[in-house]
Amino acid sequence: MNFEDLIKKNRSYRRFYEDQNIETEVLYELIDYARLSGSSGNIQGLKFFISNYPETNNKIFPAIKWAFYLKDWQGPEEGERPSAYIIILGDTEIHDTIDVDVGIAAQSILLGAVNKGLGGCMIGSVDRKMLRSQLRIPRQFQIPLIIALGKPKETVIIEEVPESENIMYWRDENQIHHVPKRNIHSLIKLKFD
């Protein structure tokens, strides 16, 4: 897969074939991509919690708030839930500012997942208190992001933002997920008046 196709295929997938397990070795490989990626000041303050067991996944799932724009959708049904999660943690004993590193690591993990025929979704809308309690995550770790992973069970289409400038993603009657993206010319500024 060429790089442009990899980027285009790296969408926020929210429905998966839950019964298709992701091996622990694959999760380690994905985290290794993050480890080898850039780190602000080379601080390397991130740690990772992995889950690919139904018992642990069932502790993580209720702490996630899914798809803000899909108001009538409470998240994937049983059988369509992620088969694995990577929780990105910030180790405050190393450094208390990890914002840039979280984005770099998450993108590296998701690009690696797509390259392996998987898909995922970065989730920042999390009940951190519940998650910390369920998984007994020590206080030294910030919980900035969860990455849900699995074999995608949905089609995601990129399209131009309509003239209304509405950027909200949506699903049609066939459950195809549409993601409006702004036109490249609206993003680049050659001068300021």
Protein backbone atom coordinates (compact mmCIF):
# COMPACT_ATOMS: atom_id res chain seq x y z
CA MET A 1 0.00 0.00 0.00
CA ASN A 2 1.49 3.39 -0.91
CA PHE A 3 1.65 6.16 1.67
CA GLU A 4 -1.29 8.18 0.31
CA ASP A 5 -3.53 5.11 0.37
CA LEU A 6 -2.36 4.33 3.90
CA ILE A 7 -3.35 7.84 5.05
CA LYS A 8 -6.74 7.67 3.29
CA LYS A 9 -7.50 4.24 4.74
CA ASN A 10 -6.57 5.38 8.26
CA ARG A 11 -10.04 6.48 9.36
CA SER A 12 -11.80 6.43 12.73
CA TYR A 13 -13.42 3.00 12.64
CA ARG A 14 -16.01 2.41 15.33
CA ARG A 15 -17.42 -1.01 14.42
CA PHE A 16 -15.29 -4.14 14.24
CA TYR A 17 -15.41 -7.90 13.88
CA GLU A 18 -15.08 -8.47 17.61
CA ASP A 19 -14.43 -12.19 17.22
CA GLN A 20 -11.23 -11.56 15.20
CA ASN A 21 -8.61 -11.45 17.91
CA ILE A 22 -5.49 -9.32 17.66
CA GLU A 23 -2.45 -11.21 18.91
CA THR A 24 -0.37 -9.72 21.73
CA GLU A 25 2.67 -9.77 19.44
CA VAL A 26 0.85 -7.46 16.99
CA LEU A 27 0.06 -5.00 19.80
CA TYR A 28 3.74 -5.00 20.77
CA GLU A 29 4.68 -4.28 17.15
CA LEU A 30 2.24 -1.34 17.04
CA ILE A 31 3.66 0.08 20.26
CA ASP A 32 7.15 -0.38 18.88
CA TYR A 33 6.19 1.92 15.97
CA ALA A 34 5.26 4.53 18.58
CA ARG A 35 8.49 3.90 20.49
CA LEU A 36 10.56 4.46 17.37
CA SER A 37 8.68 7.66 16.43
CA GLY A 38 9.67 11.16 17.48
CA SER A 39 9.33 12.33 21.06
CA SER A 40 9.32 15.98 22.14
CA GLY A 41 12.72 16.64 23.69
CA ASN A 42 13.28 12.88 23.41
CA ILE A 43 11.62 12.67 26.85
CA GLN A 44 9.86 9.36 26.04
CA GLY A 45 7.34 9.80 28.83
CA LEU A 46 4.66 7.51 27.43
CA LYS A 47 3.73 4.07 28.68
CA PHE A 48 1.10 1.74 27.23
CA PHE A 49 -1.54 -0.57 28.67
CA ILE A 50 -2.73 -3.26 26.27
CA SER A 51 -5.82 -5.40 26.31
CA ASN A 52 -6.85 -8.14 23.89
CA TYR A 53 -8.83 -10.30 26.32
CA PRO A 54 -12.63 -10.04 26.49
CA GLU A 55 -12.62 -9.77 30.30
CA THR A 56 -10.35 -6.71 30.27
CA ASN A 57 -11.97 -5.25 27.15
CA ASN A 58 -15.30 -5.41 28.99
CA LYS A 59 -13.81 -3.23 31.75
CA ILE A 60 -12.59 -0.64 29.24
CA PHE A 61 -15.65 -0.40 26.96
CA PRO A 62 -18.07 1.24 29.49
CA ALA A 63 -15.57 4.06 30.15
CA ILE A 64 -15.65 5.17 26.50
CA LYS A 65 -17.99 7.75 24.99
CA TRP A 66 -18.43 6.96 21.29
CA ALA A 67 -18.96 9.22 18.24
CA PHE A 68 -19.95 12.68 19.50
CA TYR A 69 -21.79 13.64 16.29
CA LEU A 70 -23.87 10.44 16.15
CA LYS A 71 -26.33 11.47 18.87
CA ASP A 72 -28.61 8.42 18.51
CA TRP A 73 -25.77 5.90 18.62
CA GLN A 74 -24.46 4.62 21.94
CA GLY A 75 -21.47 2.82 20.50
CA PRO A 76 -20.86 -0.54 18.89
CA GLU A 77 -23.15 -3.44 19.73
CA GLU A 78 -21.82 -6.69 21.14
CA GLY A 79 -20.05 -8.51 18.34
CA GLU A 80 -18.97 -5.17 16.79
CA ARG A 81 -16.83 -3.92 19.64
CA PRO A 82 -13.04 -3.57 19.48
CA SER A 83 -11.09 -6.78 19.94
CA ALA A 84 -8.17 -4.89 21.47
CA TYR A 85 -7.24 -1.60 23.09
CA ILE A 86 -4.04 0.32 23.62
CA ILE A 87 -4.32 2.87 26.39
CA ILE A 88 -1.70 5.58 26.10
CA LEU A 89 -0.44 6.69 29.50
CA GLY A 90 1.72 9.64 30.49
CA ASP A 91 4.23 8.76 33.20
CA THR A 92 4.41 11.89 35.39
CA GLU A 93 7.52 10.55 37.10
CA ILE A 94 9.29 11.06 33.76
CA HIS A 95 7.56 14.26 32.62
CA ASP A 96 4.18 15.91 33.12
CA THR A 97 3.76 17.29 29.58
CA ILE A 98 3.22 14.65 26.92
CA ASP A 99 0.60 16.21 24.61
CA VAL A 100 2.72 16.25 21.45
CA ASP A 101 4.00 12.73 22.03
CA VAL A 102 0.48 11.34 22.45
CA GLY A 103 -0.54 12.49 18.96
CA ILE A 104 2.67 11.22 17.38
CA ALA A 105 2.37 7.84 19.08
CA ALA A 106 -1.33 7.43 18.29
CA GLN A 107 -0.86 8.22 14.61
CA SER A 108 2.10 5.82 14.36
CA ILE A 109 0.05 3.05 16.00
CA LEU A 110 -2.96 3.60 13.74
CA LEU A 111 -0.92 3.78 10.54
CA GLY A 112 0.76 0.54 11.57
CA ALA A 113 -2.63 -1.02 12.28
CA VAL A 114 -3.97 -0.07 8.84
CA ASN A 115 -0.83 -1.47 7.24
CA LYS A 116 -1.64 -4.79 8.96
CA GLY A 117 -5.24 -4.84 7.69
CA LEU A 118 -6.67 -3.53 10.96
CA GLY A 119 -8.32 -0.26 11.89
CA GLY A 120 -8.83 1.81 14.96
CA CYS A 121 -10.16 4.91 16.60
CA MET A 122 -8.47 7.45 18.87
CA ILE A 123 -10.78 8.11 21.80
CA GLY A 124 -10.23 11.04 24.12
CA SER A 125 -13.75 11.15 25.53
CA VAL A 126 -13.18 8.77 28.43
CA ASP A 127 -14.47 8.42 31.97
CA ARG A 128 -10.95 8.42 33.39
CA LYS A 129 -12.05 7.93 36.99
CA MET A 130 -13.97 4.76 36.03
CA LEU A 131 -11.12 3.50 33.84
CA ARG A 132 -8.51 4.13 36.54
CA SER A 133 -10.64 2.26 39.06
CA GLN A 134 -11.50 -0.67 36.75
CA LEU A 135 -7.88 -1.25 35.69
CA ARG A 136 -6.22 -0.08 38.93
CA ILE A 137 -4.06 2.43 37.05
CA PRO A 138 -1.74 4.17 39.54
CA ARG A 139 -2.07 7.95 40.00
CA GLN A 140 1.37 8.59 38.51
CA PHE A 141 -0.10 7.90 35.05
CA GLN A 142 -2.15 10.40 33.08
CA ILE A 143 -4.74 8.82 30.76
CA PRO A 144 -4.81 11.04 27.66
CA LEU A 145 -6.08 8.61 25.04
CA ILE A 146 -7.46 5.17 24.27
CA ILE A 147 -6.96 3.53 20.90
CA ALA A 148 -9.67 1.00 20.03
CA LEU A 149 -8.49 -1.62 17.53
CA GLY A 150 -9.93 -4.39 15.43
CA LYS A 151 -10.75 -5.64 11.97
CA PRO A 152 -13.06 -2.90 10.59
CA LYS A 153 -16.69 -3.85 10.03
CA GLU A 154 -17.71 -0.61 8.37
CA THR A 155 -17.04 1.44 5.29
CA VAL A 156 -15.76 4.99 5.77
CA ILE A 157 -15.84 7.47 2.88
CA ILE A 158 -13.97 10.76 2.73
CA GLU A 159 -15.81 13.55 0.93
CA GLU A 160 -15.48 17.31 0.43
CA VAL A 161 -17.01 19.58 3.06
CA PRO A 162 -20.32 20.79 1.62
CA GLU A 163 -20.92 24.47 0.91
CA SER A 164 -22.71 24.69 4.25
CA GLU A 165 -19.25 24.14 5.79
CA ASN A 166 -20.70 21.36 7.94
CA ILE A 167 -17.81 19.13 9.08
CA MET A 168 -19.93 16.69 11.09
CA TYR A 169 -19.45 13.04 10.13
CA TRP A 170 -22.61 11.02 9.57
CA ARG A 171 -23.99 7.63 8.58
CA ASP A 172 -26.35 7.01 5.72
CA GLU A 173 -29.23 4.50 5.58
CA ASN A 174 -26.72 1.75 4.61
CA GLN A 175 -24.58 2.53 7.66
CA ILE A 176 -21.77 3.90 5.49
CA HIS A 177 -19.81 6.42 7.52
CA HIS A 178 -19.19 9.75 5.71
CA VAL A 179 -16.34 12.04 6.80
CA PRO A 180 -16.32 15.56 5.31
CA LYS A 181 -12.82 17.02 4.82
CA ARG A 182 -12.06 20.65 4.04
CA ASN A 183 -10.68 21.47 0.60
CA ILE A 184 -6.87 21.75 0.47
CA HIS A 185 -7.11 25.30 -0.92
CA SER A 186 -9.07 26.45 2.14
CA LEU A 187 -6.27 25.22 4.41
CA ILE A 188 -3.25 26.87 2.82
CA LYS A 189 -2.62 30.56 3.39
CA LEU A 190 -0.20 32.22 0.98
CA LYS A 191 -0.64 35.66 2.51
CA PHE A 192 -2.60 37.47 5.18
CA ASP A 193 -4.58 40.62 4.41
